[in-house]
């Protein structure tokens, strides 16, 4: 049973529960994805996959919680800077839950503003 009364979406003329109309959320993601280069264009190609596998083999546990690591995270977001992208001193091994938490907190994930951006 929902905790709050359903709300009306003015764009799709339907009721929904939760923070956002599912159709609006889907359309927003599609717009964002359409403007985003694919993974290979962002540098995540075969060379990256090989380097990632080597790094995770050398660092098999999450540096935050100790669970098995599955993600190589850039400590400082590279934002296209290839030197920073490939700098292993800027990499850390994380499990998926810790990576999601870091992304949400620092990089503006889950509707949060990226750090360093002014107030809402």
PDB file of N, CA and C in Angstrom:
ATOM      1  N   UNK A   1       0.845  -1.179   0.000  1.00  0.00           N
ATOM      2  CA  UNK A   1       0.000   0.000   0.000  1.00  0.00           C
ATOM      3  C   UNK A   1       0.891   1.242   0.000  1.00  0.00           C
ATOM      4  N   UNK A   2       0.635   2.193  -0.883  1.00  0.00           N
ATOM      5  CA  UNK A   2       1.461   3.404  -0.944  1.00  0.00           C
ATOM      6  C   UNK A   2       1.325   4.239   0.320  1.00  0.00           C
ATOM      7  N   UNK A   3       2.385   4.979   0.613  1.00  0.00           N
ATOM      8  CA  UNK A   3       2.386   5.836   1.787  1.00  0.00           C
ATOM      9  C   UNK A   3       1.752   7.187   1.505  1.00  0.00           C
ATOM     10  N   UNK A   4       1.740   7.609   0.267  1.00  0.00           N
ATOM     11  CA  UNK A   4       1.179   8.908  -0.096  1.00  0.00           C
ATOM     12  C   UNK A   4       0.100   8.702  -1.151  1.00  0.00           C
ATOM     13  N   UNK A   5      -0.787   9.664  -1.232  1.00  0.00           N
ATOM     14  CA  UNK A   5      -1.842   9.590  -2.239  1.00  0.00           C
ATOM     15  C   UNK A   5      -1.232   9.715  -3.631  1.00  0.00           C
ATOM     16  N   UNK A   6      -1.835   9.060  -4.617  1.00  0.00           N
ATOM     17  CA  UNK A   6      -1.336   9.201  -5.986  1.00  0.00           C
ATOM     18  C   UNK A   6      -1.403  10.654  -6.441  1.00  0.00           C
ATOM     19  N   UNK A   7      -0.459  11.011  -7.317  1.00  0.00           N
ATOM     20  CA  UNK A   7      -0.429  12.367  -7.868  1.00  0.00           C
ATOM     21  C   UNK A   7      -0.744  12.312  -9.352  1.00  0.00           C
ATOM     22  N   UNK A   8      -1.142  13.450  -9.888  1.00  0.00           N
ATOM     23  CA  UNK A   8      -1.511  13.545 -11.299  1.00  0.00           C
ATOM     24  C   UNK A   8      -0.337  14.087 -12.104  1.00  0.00           C
ATOM     25  N   UNK A   9      -0.028  13.426 -13.213  1.00  0.00           N
ATOM     26  CA  UNK A   9       1.010  13.909 -14.121  1.00  0.00           C
ATOM     27  C   UNK A   9       0.349  14.820 -15.147  1.00  0.00           C
ATOM     28  N   UNK A  10       0.745  16.106 -15.201  1.00  0.00           N
ATOM     29  CA  UNK A  10       0.115  17.026 -16.149  1.00  0.00           C
ATOM     30  C   UNK A  10       0.494  16.744 -17.605  1.00  0.00           C
ATOM     31  N   UNK A  11       1.560  15.996 -17.826  1.00  0.00           N
ATOM     32  CA  UNK A  11       2.005  15.708 -19.192  1.00  0.00           C
ATOM     33  C   UNK A  11       1.328  14.471 -19.779  1.00  0.00           C
ATOM     34  N   UNK A  12       1.119  13.465 -18.948  1.00  0.00           N
ATOM     35  CA  UNK A  12       0.576  12.192 -19.429  1.00  0.00           C
ATOM     36  C   UNK A  12      -0.837  11.933 -18.922  1.00  0.00           C
ATOM     37  N   UNK A  13      -1.355  12.841 -18.128  1.00  0.00           N
ATOM     38  CA  UNK A  13      -2.735  12.773 -17.633  1.00  0.00           C
ATOM     39  C   UNK A  13      -3.045  11.409 -17.010  1.00  0.00           C
ATOM     40  N   UNK A  14      -2.183  11.034 -16.068  1.00  0.00           N
ATOM     41  CA  UNK A  14      -2.399   9.792 -15.347  1.00  0.00           C
ATOM     42  C   UNK A  14      -1.945   9.958 -13.909  1.00  0.00           C
ATOM     43  N   UNK A  15      -2.418   9.090 -13.044  1.00  0.00           N
ATOM     44  CA  UNK A  15      -2.013   9.100 -11.646  1.00  0.00           C
ATOM     45  C   UNK A  15      -0.776   8.220 -11.479  1.00  0.00           C
ATOM     46  N   UNK A  16       0.072   8.624 -10.531  1.00  0.00           N
ATOM     47  CA  UNK A  16       1.258   7.818 -10.238  1.00  0.00           C
ATOM     48  C   UNK A  16       1.612   7.989  -8.776  1.00  0.00           C
ATOM     49  N   UNK A  17       2.337   7.029  -8.250  1.00  0.00           N
ATOM     50  CA  UNK A  17       2.879   7.130  -6.896  1.00  0.00           C
ATOM     51  C   UNK A  17       4.388   7.211  -7.029  1.00  0.00           C
ATOM     52  N   UNK A  18       5.023   7.697  -6.021  1.00  0.00           N
ATOM     53  CA  UNK A  18       6.473   7.859  -6.069  1.00  0.00           C
ATOM     54  C   UNK A  18       6.834   9.293  -6.379  1.00  0.00           C
ATOM     55  N   UNK A  19       8.111   9.503  -6.659  1.00  0.00           N
ATOM     56  CA  UNK A  19       8.598  10.869  -6.834  1.00  0.00           C
ATOM     57  C   UNK A  19       8.400  11.410  -8.233  1.00  0.00           C
ATOM     58  N   UNK A  20       8.243  10.533  -9.236  1.00  0.00           N
ATOM     59  CA  UNK A  20       8.171  11.005 -10.616  1.00  0.00           C
ATOM     60  C   UNK A  20       7.315  10.068 -11.456  1.00  0.00           C
ATOM     61  N   UNK A  21       6.573  10.627 -12.365  1.00  0.00           N
ATOM     62  CA  UNK A  21       5.774   9.839 -13.300  1.00  0.00           C
ATOM     63  C   UNK A  21       6.713   8.904 -14.068  1.00  0.00           C
ATOM     64  N   UNK A  22       6.424   7.612 -14.127  1.00  0.00           N
ATOM     65  CA  UNK A  22       7.311   6.688 -14.838  1.00  0.00           C
ATOM     66  C   UNK A  22       7.519   7.063 -16.305  1.00  0.00           C
ATOM     67  N   UNK A  23       6.494   7.568 -16.961  1.00  0.00           N
ATOM     68  CA  UNK A  23       6.642   7.968 -18.366  1.00  0.00           C
ATOM     69  C   UNK A  23       7.552   9.182 -18.496  1.00  0.00           C
ATOM     70  N   UNK A  24       7.411  10.154 -17.589  1.00  0.00           N
ATOM     71  CA  UNK A  24       8.288  11.335 -17.610  1.00  0.00           C
ATOM     72  C   UNK A  24       9.736  10.920 -17.345  1.00  0.00           C
ATOM     73  N   UNK A  25       9.931  10.011 -16.396  1.00  0.00           N
ATOM     74  CA  UNK A  25      11.276   9.543 -16.071  1.00  0.00           C
ATOM     75  C   UNK A  25      11.902   8.844 -17.277  1.00  0.00           C
ATOM     76  N   UNK A  26      11.124   8.000 -17.952  1.00  0.00           N
ATOM     77  CA  UNK A  26      11.632   7.284 -19.125  1.00  0.00           C
ATOM     78  C   UNK A  26      12.004   8.261 -20.240  1.00  0.00           C
ATOM     79  N   UNK A  27      11.151   9.251 -20.485  1.00  0.00           N
ATOM     80  CA  UNK A  27      11.434  10.243 -21.525  1.00  0.00           C
ATOM     81  C   UNK A  27      12.676  11.062 -21.185  1.00  0.00           C
ATOM     82  N   UNK A  28      12.838  11.421 -19.910  1.00  0.00           N
ATOM     83  CA  UNK A  28      14.014  12.178 -19.482  1.00  0.00           C
ATOM     84  C   UNK A  28      15.293  11.387 -19.691  1.00  0.00           C
ATOM     85  N   UNK A  29      15.254  10.091 -19.363  1.00  0.00           N
ATOM     86  CA  UNK A  29      16.428   9.239 -19.571  1.00  0.00           C
ATOM     87  C   UNK A  29      16.735   9.111 -21.059  1.00  0.00           C
ATOM     88  N   UNK A  30      15.714   8.967 -21.884  1.00  0.00           N
ATOM     89  CA  UNK A  30      15.937   8.855 -23.329  1.00  0.00           C
ATOM     90  C   UNK A  30      16.573  10.123 -23.891  1.00  0.00           C
ATOM     91  N   UNK A  31      16.115  11.294 -23.420  1.00  0.00           N
ATOM     92  CA  UNK A  31      16.703  12.560 -23.881  1.00  0.00           C
ATOM     93  C   UNK A  31      18.169  12.651 -23.466  1.00  0.00           C
ATOM     94  N   UNK A  32      18.456  12.286 -22.213  1.00  0.00           N
ATOM     95  CA  UNK A  32      19.838  12.347 -21.725  1.00  0.00           C
ATOM     96  C   UNK A  32      20.727  11.375 -22.503  1.00  0.00           C
ATOM     97  N   UNK A  33      20.229  10.163 -22.741  1.00  0.00           N
ATOM     98  CA  UNK A  33      21.014   9.164 -23.467  1.00  0.00           C
ATOM     99  C   UNK A  33      21.254   9.574 -24.916  1.00  0.00           C
ATOM    100  N   UNK A  34      20.294  10.253 -25.527  1.00  0.00           N
ATOM    101  CA  UNK A  34      20.438  10.675 -26.925  1.00  0.00           C
ATOM    102  C   UNK A  34      21.567  11.689 -27.084  1.00  0.00           C
ATOM    103  N   UNK A  35      21.828  12.477 -26.046  1.00  0.00           N
ATOM    104  CA  UNK A  35      22.867  13.505 -26.098  1.00  0.00           C
ATOM    105  C   UNK A  35      24.217  13.019 -25.583  1.00  0.00           C
ATOM    106  N   UNK A  36      24.276  11.783 -25.114  1.00  0.00           N
ATOM    107  CA  UNK A  36      25.494  11.251 -24.505  1.00  0.00           C
ATOM    108  C   UNK A  36      26.227  10.358 -25.503  1.00  0.00           C
ATOM    109  N   UNK A  37      27.534  10.564 -25.671  1.00  0.00           N
ATOM    110  CA  UNK A  37      28.293   9.677 -26.564  1.00  0.00           C
ATOM    111  C   UNK A  37      28.273   8.243 -26.028  1.00  0.00           C
ATOM    112  N   UNK A  38      28.447   7.273 -26.913  1.00  0.00           N
ATOM    113  CA  UNK A  38      28.453   5.887 -26.449  1.00  0.00           C
ATOM    114  C   UNK A  38      29.709   5.613 -25.615  1.00  0.00           C
ATOM    115  N   UNK A  39      29.723   4.469 -24.961  1.00  0.00           N
ATOM    116  CA  UNK A  39      30.821   4.144 -24.041  1.00  0.00           C
ATOM    117  C   UNK A  39      32.173   4.157 -24.740  1.00  0.00           C
ATOM    118  N   UNK A  40      32.231   3.619 -25.939  1.00  0.00           N
ATOM    119  CA  UNK A  40      33.498   3.582 -26.669  1.00  0.00           C
ATOM    120  C   UNK A  40      33.998   4.992 -26.974  1.00  0.00           C
ATOM    121  N   UNK A  41      33.097   5.876 -27.358  1.00  0.00           N
ATOM    122  CA  UNK A  41      33.478   7.264 -27.655  1.00  0.00           C
ATOM    123  C   UNK A  41      33.946   7.994 -26.401  1.00  0.00           C
ATOM    124  N   UNK A  42      33.494   7.548 -25.224  1.00  0.00           N
ATOM    125  CA  UNK A  42      33.919   8.163 -23.967  1.00  0.00           C
ATOM    126  C   UNK A  42      35.213   7.550 -23.440  1.00  0.00           C
ATOM    127  N   UNK A  43      35.793   6.582 -24.174  1.00  0.00           N
ATOM    128  CA  UNK A  43      37.072   5.998 -23.775  1.00  0.00           C
ATOM    129  C   UNK A  43      36.979   4.607 -23.190  1.00  0.00           C
ATOM    130  N   UNK A  44      35.767   4.093 -23.001  1.00  0.00           N
ATOM    131  CA  UNK A  44      35.598   2.772 -22.402  1.00  0.00           C
ATOM    132  C   UNK A  44      35.572   1.720 -23.510  1.00  0.00           C
ATOM    133  N   UNK A  45      36.747   1.467 -24.100  1.00  0.00           N
ATOM    134  CA  UNK A  45      36.891   0.556 -25.230  1.00  0.00           C
ATOM    135  C   UNK A  45      37.633  -0.703 -24.789  1.00  0.00           C
ATOM    136  N   UNK A  46      38.164  -1.446 -25.736  1.00  0.00           N
ATOM    137  CA  UNK A  46      38.895  -2.671 -25.417  1.00  0.00           C
ATOM    138  C   UNK A  46      40.105  -2.429 -24.534  1.00  0.00           C
ATOM    139  N   UNK A  47      40.817  -1.330 -24.771  1.00  0.00           N
ATOM    140  CA  UNK A  47      41.977  -1.005 -23.923  1.00  0.00           C
ATOM    141  C   UNK A  47      41.533  -0.799 -22.481  1.00  0.00           C
ATOM    142  N   UNK A  48      40.403  -0.111 -22.304  1.00  0.00           N
ATOM    143  CA  UNK A  48      39.876   0.119 -20.955  1.00  0.00           C
ATOM    144  C   UNK A  48      39.471  -1.204 -20.313  1.00  0.00           C
ATOM    145  N   UNK A  49      38.767  -2.043 -21.058  1.00  0.00           N
ATOM    146  CA  UNK A  49      38.315  -3.313 -20.490  1.00  0.00           C
ATOM    147  C   UNK A  49      39.504  -4.163 -20.024  1.00  0.00           C
ATOM    148  N   UNK A  50      40.587  -4.147 -20.782  1.00  0.00           N
ATOM    149  CA  UNK A  50      41.789  -4.901 -20.398  1.00  0.00           C
ATOM    150  C   UNK A  50      42.416  -4.294 -19.140  1.00  0.00           C
ATOM    151  N   UNK A  51      42.584  -2.972 -19.116  1.00  0.00           N
ATOM    152  CA  UNK A  51      43.177  -2.300 -17.948  1.00  0.00           C
ATOM    153  C   UNK A  51      42.301  -2.489 -16.715  1.00  0.00           C
ATOM    154  N   UNK A  52      40.982  -2.424 -16.904  1.00  0.00           N
ATOM    155  CA  UNK A  52      40.029  -2.611 -15.806  1.00  0.00           C
ATOM    156  C   UNK A  52      40.174  -4.012 -15.210  1.00  0.00           C
ATOM    157  N   UNK A  53      40.237  -5.029 -16.077  1.00  0.00           N
ATOM    158  CA  UNK A  53      40.372  -6.411 -15.607  1.00  0.00           C
ATOM    159  C   UNK A  53      41.673  -6.604 -14.830  1.00  0.00           C
ATOM    160  N   UNK A  54      42.764  -6.037 -15.328  1.00  0.00           N
ATOM    161  CA  UNK A  54      44.053  -6.135 -14.633  1.00  0.00           C
ATOM    162  C   UNK A  54      43.987  -5.445 -13.274  1.00  0.00           C
ATOM    163  N   UNK A  55      43.347  -4.269 -13.223  1.00  0.00           N
ATOM    164  CA  UNK A  55      43.262  -3.522 -11.970  1.00  0.00           C
ATOM    165  C   UNK A  55      42.424  -4.289 -10.945  1.00  0.00           C
ATOM    166  N   UNK A  56      41.298  -4.850 -11.388  1.00  0.00           N
ATOM    167  CA  UNK A  56      40.446  -5.597 -10.459  1.00  0.00           C
ATOM    168  C   UNK A  56      41.120  -6.888  -9.992  1.00  0.00           C
ATOM    169  N   UNK A  57      41.959  -7.473 -10.834  1.00  0.00           N
ATOM    170  CA  UNK A  57      42.702  -8.663 -10.411  1.00  0.00           C
ATOM    171  C   UNK A  57      43.713  -8.292  -9.325  1.00  0.00           C
ATOM    172  N   UNK A  58      44.339  -7.129  -9.460  1.00  0.00           N
ATOM    173  CA  UNK A  58      45.315  -6.671  -8.465  1.00  0.00           C
ATOM    174  C   UNK A  58      44.643  -6.097  -7.217  1.00  0.00           C
ATOM    175  N   UNK A  59      43.405  -5.613  -7.350  1.00  0.00           N
ATOM    176  CA  UNK A  59      42.653  -5.002  -6.247  1.00  0.00           C
ATOM    177  C   UNK A  59      41.273  -5.656  -6.191  1.00  0.00           C
ATOM    178  N   UNK A  60      41.182  -6.884  -5.664  1.00  0.00           N
ATOM    179  CA  UNK A  60      39.930  -7.640  -5.756  1.00  0.00           C
ATOM    180  C   UNK A  60      38.825  -7.231  -4.782  1.00  0.00           C
ATOM    181  N   UNK A  61      39.143  -6.393  -3.796  1.00  0.00           N
ATOM    182  CA  UNK A  61      38.109  -6.028  -2.825  1.00  0.00           C
ATOM    183  C   UNK A  61      37.805  -4.535  -2.868  1.00  0.00           C
ATOM    184  N   UNK A  62      36.576  -4.215  -2.528  1.00  0.00           N
ATOM    185  CA  UNK A  62      36.124  -2.823  -2.487  1.00  0.00           C
ATOM    186  C   UNK A  62      36.910  -2.062  -1.424  1.00  0.00           C
ATOM    187  N   UNK A  63      37.434  -0.906  -1.793  1.00  0.00           N
ATOM    188  CA  UNK A  63      38.236  -0.128  -0.843  1.00  0.00           C
ATOM    189  C   UNK A  63      37.367   0.562   0.210  1.00  0.00           C
ATOM    190  N   UNK A  64      36.050   0.531   0.045  1.00  0.00           N
ATOM    191  CA  UNK A  64      35.153   1.149   1.029  1.00  0.00           C
ATOM    192  C   UNK A  64      34.629   0.137   2.046  1.00  0.00           C
ATOM    193  N   UNK A  65      34.193  -1.046   1.564  1.00  0.00           N
ATOM    194  CA  UNK A  65      33.521  -1.983   2.473  1.00  0.00           C
ATOM    195  C   UNK A  65      34.166  -3.367   2.554  1.00  0.00           C
ATOM    196  N   UNK A  66      35.090  -3.685   1.637  1.00  0.00           N
ATOM    197  CA  UNK A  66      35.758  -4.973   1.674  1.00  0.00           C
ATOM    198  C   UNK A  66      35.071  -6.087   0.897  1.00  0.00           C
ATOM    199  N   UNK A  67      33.918  -5.830   0.311  1.00  0.00           N
ATOM    200  CA  UNK A  67      33.242  -6.831  -0.526  1.00  0.00           C
ATOM    201  C   UNK A  67      34.018  -6.990  -1.826  1.00  0.00           C
ATOM    202  N   UNK A  68      33.715  -8.024  -2.605  1.00  0.00           N
ATOM    203  CA  UNK A  68      34.382  -8.179  -3.902  1.00  0.00           C
ATOM    204  C   UNK A  68      34.137  -6.963  -4.805  1.00  0.00           C
ATOM    205  N   UNK A  69      35.196  -6.444  -5.377  1.00  0.00           N
ATOM    206  CA  UNK A  69      35.096  -5.266  -6.247  1.00  0.00           C
ATOM    207  C   UNK A  69      34.655  -5.690  -7.642  1.00  0.00           C
ATOM    208  N   UNK A  70      33.795  -4.887  -8.245  1.00  0.00           N
ATOM    209  CA  UNK A  70      33.318  -5.147  -9.605  1.00  0.00           C
ATOM    210  C   UNK A  70      33.464  -3.923 -10.503  1.00  0.00           C
ATOM    211  N   UNK A  71      33.828  -2.782  -9.921  1.00  0.00           N
ATOM    212  CA  UNK A  71      33.882  -1.520 -10.661  1.00  0.00           C
ATOM    213  C   UNK A  71      35.228  -0.846 -10.418  1.00  0.00           C
ATOM    214  N   UNK A  72      35.825  -0.314 -11.483  1.00  0.00           N
ATOM    215  CA  UNK A  72      36.987   0.559 -11.338  1.00  0.00           C
ATOM    216  C   UNK A  72      36.452   1.980 -11.453  1.00  0.00           C
ATOM    217  N   UNK A  73      36.550   2.711 -10.371  1.00  0.00           N
ATOM    218  CA  UNK A  73      36.005   4.066 -10.294  1.00  0.00           C
ATOM    219  C   UNK A  73      37.120   5.088 -10.439  1.00  0.00           C
ATOM    220  N   UNK A  74      36.816   6.184 -11.115  1.00  0.00           N
ATOM    221  CA  UNK A  74      37.747   7.315 -11.165  1.00  0.00           C
ATOM    222  C   UNK A  74      37.477   8.163  -9.923  1.00  0.00           C
ATOM    223  N   UNK A  75      38.455   8.263  -9.030  1.00  0.00           N
ATOM    224  CA  UNK A  75      38.301   9.016  -7.786  1.00  0.00           C
ATOM    225  C   UNK A  75      37.875  10.442  -8.112  1.00  0.00           C
ATOM    226  N   UNK A  76      38.616  11.087  -9.000  1.00  0.00           N
ATOM    227  CA  UNK A  76      38.259  12.412  -9.503  1.00  0.00           C
ATOM    228  C   UNK A  76      37.690  12.210 -10.898  1.00  0.00           C
ATOM    229  N   UNK A  77      36.451  12.636 -11.154  1.00  0.00           N
ATOM    230  CA  UNK A  77      35.879  12.448 -12.489  1.00  0.00           C
ATOM    231  C   UNK A  77      36.788  13.039 -13.570  1.00  0.00           C
ATOM    232  N   UNK A  78      37.033  12.263 -14.617  1.00  0.00           N
ATOM    233  CA  UNK A  78      37.986  12.698 -15.653  1.00  0.00           C
ATOM    234  C   UNK A  78      37.389  13.714 -16.622  1.00  0.00           C
ATOM    235  N   UNK A  79      36.089  13.703 -16.818  1.00  0.00           N
ATOM    236  CA  UNK A  79      35.391  14.655 -17.696  1.00  0.00           C
ATOM    237  C   UNK A  79      36.071  14.794 -19.057  1.00  0.00           C
ATOM    238  N   UNK A  80      36.534  13.669 -19.594  1.00  0.00           N
ATOM    239  CA  UNK A  80      37.144  13.661 -20.916  1.00  0.00           C
ATOM    240  C   UNK A  80      38.646  13.858 -20.939  1.00  0.00           C
ATOM    241  N   UNK A  81      39.261  14.188 -19.813  1.00  0.00           N
ATOM    242  CA  UNK A  81      40.715  14.372 -19.736  1.00  0.00           C
ATOM    243  C   UNK A  81      41.377  12.993 -19.791  1.00  0.00           C
ATOM    244  N   UNK A  82      42.001  12.660 -20.919  1.00  0.00           N
ATOM    245  CA  UNK A  82      42.575  11.329 -21.109  1.00  0.00           C
ATOM    246  C   UNK A  82      43.717  11.028 -20.139  1.00  0.00           C
ATOM    247  N   UNK A  83      44.495  12.034 -19.765  1.00  0.00           N
ATOM    248  CA  UNK A  83      45.574  11.804 -18.795  1.00  0.00           C
ATOM    249  C   UNK A  83      44.984  11.369 -17.453  1.00  0.00           C
ATOM    250  N   UNK A  84      43.927  12.041 -17.020  1.00  0.00           N
ATOM    251  CA  UNK A  84      43.268  11.687 -15.762  1.00  0.00           C
ATOM    252  C   UNK A  84      42.529  10.357 -15.900  1.00  0.00           C
ATOM    253  N   UNK A  85      41.939  10.117 -17.056  1.00  0.00           N
ATOM    254  CA  UNK A  85      41.228   8.866 -17.319  1.00  0.00           C
ATOM    255  C   UNK A  85      42.150   7.666 -17.117  1.00  0.00           C
ATOM    256  N   UNK A  86      43.370   7.732 -17.641  1.00  0.00           N
ATOM    257  CA  UNK A  86      44.287   6.604 -17.597  1.00  0.00           C
ATOM    258  C   UNK A  86      45.221   6.606 -16.388  1.00  0.00           C
ATOM    259  N   UNK A  87      45.155   7.615 -15.540  1.00  0.00           N
ATOM    260  CA  UNK A  87      46.019   7.681 -14.361  1.00  0.00           C
ATOM    261  C   UNK A  87      45.548   6.669 -13.313  1.00  0.00           C
ATOM    262  N   UNK A  88      46.316   5.595 -13.145  1.00  0.00           N
ATOM    263  CA  UNK A  88      45.916   4.553 -12.192  1.00  0.00           C
ATOM    264  C   UNK A  88      45.881   5.058 -10.752  1.00  0.00           C
ATOM    265  N   UNK A  89      46.596   6.129 -10.474  1.00  0.00           N
ATOM    266  CA  UNK A  89      46.520   6.697  -9.119  1.00  0.00           C
ATOM    267  C   UNK A  89      45.156   7.354  -8.888  1.00  0.00           C
ATOM    268  N   UNK A  90      44.385   7.542  -9.940  1.00  0.00           N
ATOM    269  CA  UNK A  90      43.043   8.111  -9.848  1.00  0.00           C
ATOM    270  C   UNK A  90      41.973   7.018  -9.874  1.00  0.00           C
ATOM    271  N   UNK A  91      42.376   5.766  -9.825  1.00  0.00           N
ATOM    272  CA  UNK A  91      41.435   4.650  -9.858  1.00  0.00           C
ATOM    273  C   UNK A  91      41.270   4.069  -8.461  1.00  0.00           C
ATOM    274  N   UNK A  92      40.076   3.550  -8.199  1.00  0.00           N
ATOM    275  CA  UNK A  92      39.839   2.788  -6.979  1.00  0.00           C
ATOM    276  C   UNK A  92      38.868   1.654  -7.298  1.00  0.00           C
ATOM    277  N   UNK A  93      39.062   0.534  -6.619  1.00  0.00           N
ATOM    278  CA  UNK A  93      38.195  -0.625  -6.800  1.00  0.00           C
ATOM    279  C   UNK A  93      37.012  -0.497  -5.848  1.00  0.00           C
ATOM    280  N   UNK A  94      35.803  -0.605  -6.401  1.00  0.00           N
ATOM    281  CA  UNK A  94      34.587  -0.510  -5.599  1.00  0.00           C
ATOM    282  C   UNK A  94      33.632  -1.640  -5.957  1.00  0.00           C
ATOM    283  N   UNK A  95      32.771  -2.002  -5.009  1.00  0.00           N
ATOM    284  CA  UNK A  95      31.653  -2.883  -5.329  1.00  0.00           C
ATOM    285  C   UNK A  95      30.552  -2.000  -5.934  1.00  0.00           C
ATOM    286  N   UNK A  96      29.583  -2.614  -6.581  1.00  0.00           N
ATOM    287  CA  UNK A  96      28.535  -1.839  -7.250  1.00  0.00           C
ATOM    288  C   UNK A  96      27.743  -0.958  -6.275  1.00  0.00           C
ATOM    289  N   UNK A  97      27.322  -1.464  -5.089  1.00  0.00           N
ATOM    290  CA  UNK A  97      26.583  -0.589  -4.169  1.00  0.00           C
ATOM    291  C   UNK A  97      27.387   0.640  -3.720  1.00  0.00           C
ATOM    292  N   UNK A  98      28.671   0.462  -3.432  1.00  0.00           N
ATOM    293  CA  UNK A  98      29.493   1.611  -3.022  1.00  0.00           C
ATOM    294  C   UNK A  98      29.684   2.583  -4.184  1.00  0.00           C
ATOM    295  N   UNK A  99      29.808   2.064  -5.400  1.00  0.00           N
ATOM    296  CA  UNK A  99      29.950   2.937  -6.570  1.00  0.00           C
ATOM    297  C   UNK A  99      28.677   3.749  -6.786  1.00  0.00           C
ATOM    298  N   UNK A 100      27.521   3.110  -6.650  1.00  0.00           N
ATOM    299  CA  UNK A 100      26.250   3.837  -6.793  1.00  0.00           C
ATOM    300  C   UNK A 100      26.136   4.943  -5.749  1.00  0.00           C
ATOM    301  N   UNK A 101      26.515   4.627  -4.518  1.00  0.00           N
ATOM    302  CA  UNK A 101      26.450   5.622  -3.446  1.00  0.00           C
ATOM    303  C   UNK A 101      27.372   6.793  -3.747  1.00  0.00           C
ATOM    304  N   UNK A 102      28.591   6.516  -4.175  1.00  0.00           N
ATOM    305  CA  UNK A 102      29.546   7.579  -4.504  1.00  0.00           C
ATOM    306  C   UNK A 102      29.033   8.435  -5.659  1.00  0.00           C
ATOM    307  N   UNK A 103      28.505   7.780  -6.686  1.00  0.00           N
ATOM    308  CA  UNK A 103      27.984   8.507  -7.839  1.00  0.00           C
ATOM    309  C   UNK A 103      26.831   9.415  -7.429  1.00  0.00           C
ATOM    310  N   UNK A 104      25.927   8.891  -6.625  1.00  0.00           N
ATOM    311  CA  UNK A 104      24.784   9.692  -6.191  1.00  0.00           C
ATOM    312  C   UNK A 104      25.225  10.891  -5.365  1.00  0.00           C
ATOM    313  N   UNK A 105      26.218  10.693  -4.532  1.00  0.00           N
ATOM    314  CA  UNK A 105      26.672  11.759  -3.636  1.00  0.00           C
ATOM    315  C   UNK A 105      27.519  12.807  -4.352  1.00  0.00           C
ATOM    316  N   UNK A 106      28.459  12.361  -5.189  1.00  0.00           N
ATOM    317  CA  UNK A 106      29.450  13.277  -5.755  1.00  0.00           C
ATOM    318  C   UNK A 106      29.187  13.721  -7.179  1.00  0.00           C
ATOM    319  N   UNK A 107      28.624  12.848  -7.997  1.00  0.00           N
ATOM    320  CA  UNK A 107      28.535  13.130  -9.428  1.00  0.00           C
ATOM    321  C   UNK A 107      27.152  13.566  -9.883  1.00  0.00           C
ATOM    322  N   UNK A 108      26.242  13.765  -8.955  1.00  0.00           N
ATOM    323  CA  UNK A 108      24.921  14.242  -9.332  1.00  0.00           C
ATOM    324  C   UNK A 108      23.945  13.140  -9.688  1.00  0.00           C
ATOM    325  N   UNK A 109      24.223  11.918  -9.290  1.00  0.00           N
ATOM    326  CA  UNK A 109      23.298  10.831  -9.573  1.00  0.00           C
ATOM    327  C   UNK A 109      22.051  10.910  -8.714  1.00  0.00           C
ATOM    328  N   UNK A 110      21.026  10.190  -9.092  1.00  0.00           N
ATOM    329  CA  UNK A 110      19.754  10.104  -8.378  1.00  0.00           C
ATOM    330  C   UNK A 110      19.124  11.476  -8.146  1.00  0.00           C
ATOM    331  N   UNK A 111      19.294  12.394  -9.089  1.00  0.00           N
ATOM    332  CA  UNK A 111      18.667  13.704  -8.994  1.00  0.00           C
ATOM    333  C   UNK A 111      19.428  14.711  -8.163  1.00  0.00           C
ATOM    334  N   UNK A 112      20.576  14.334  -7.609  1.00  0.00           N
ATOM    335  CA  UNK A 112      21.374  15.275  -6.827  1.00  0.00           C
ATOM    336  C   UNK A 112      22.210  16.135  -7.757  1.00  0.00           C
ATOM    337  N   UNK A 113      22.515  17.341  -7.310  1.00  0.00           N
ATOM    338  CA  UNK A 113      23.402  18.196  -8.097  1.00  0.00           C
ATOM    339  C   UNK A 113      24.838  17.734  -7.905  1.00  0.00           C
ATOM    340  N   UNK A 114      25.652  17.831  -8.960  1.00  0.00           N
ATOM    341  CA  UNK A 114      27.068  17.502  -8.791  1.00  0.00           C
ATOM    342  C   UNK A 114      27.710  18.425  -7.767  1.00  0.00           C
ATOM    343  N   UNK A 115      28.683  17.913  -7.041  1.00  0.00           N
ATOM    344  CA  UNK A 115      29.395  18.747  -6.069  1.00  0.00           C
ATOM    345  C   UNK A 115      30.038  19.916  -6.776  1.00  0.00           C
ATOM    346  N   UNK A 116      30.026  21.072  -6.145  1.00  0.00           N
ATOM    347  CA  UNK A 116      30.625  22.263  -6.724  1.00  0.00           C
ATOM    348  C   UNK A 116      29.641  23.092  -7.526  1.00  0.00           C
ATOM    349  N   UNK A 117      28.400  22.634  -7.633  1.00  0.00           N
ATOM    350  CA  UNK A 117      27.368  23.390  -8.345  1.00  0.00           C
ATOM    351  C   UNK A 117      26.546  24.127  -7.306  1.00  0.00           C
ATOM    352  N   UNK A 118      26.135  25.333  -7.619  1.00  0.00           N
ATOM    353  CA  UNK A 118      25.411  26.189  -6.677  1.00  0.00           C
ATOM    354  C   UNK A 118      24.138  25.579  -6.135  1.00  0.00           C
ATOM    355  N   UNK A 119      23.474  26.298  -5.227  1.00  0.00           N
ATOM    356  CA  UNK A 119      22.256  25.782  -4.601  1.00  0.00           C
ATOM    357  C   UNK A 119      21.131  25.641  -5.613  1.00  0.00           C
ATOM    358  N   UNK A 120      20.171  24.817  -5.255  1.00  0.00           N
ATOM    359  CA  UNK A 120      19.009  24.587  -6.131  1.00  0.00           C
ATOM    360  C   UNK A 120      18.140  25.794  -6.216  1.00  0.00           C
TER     361      UNK A 120
END
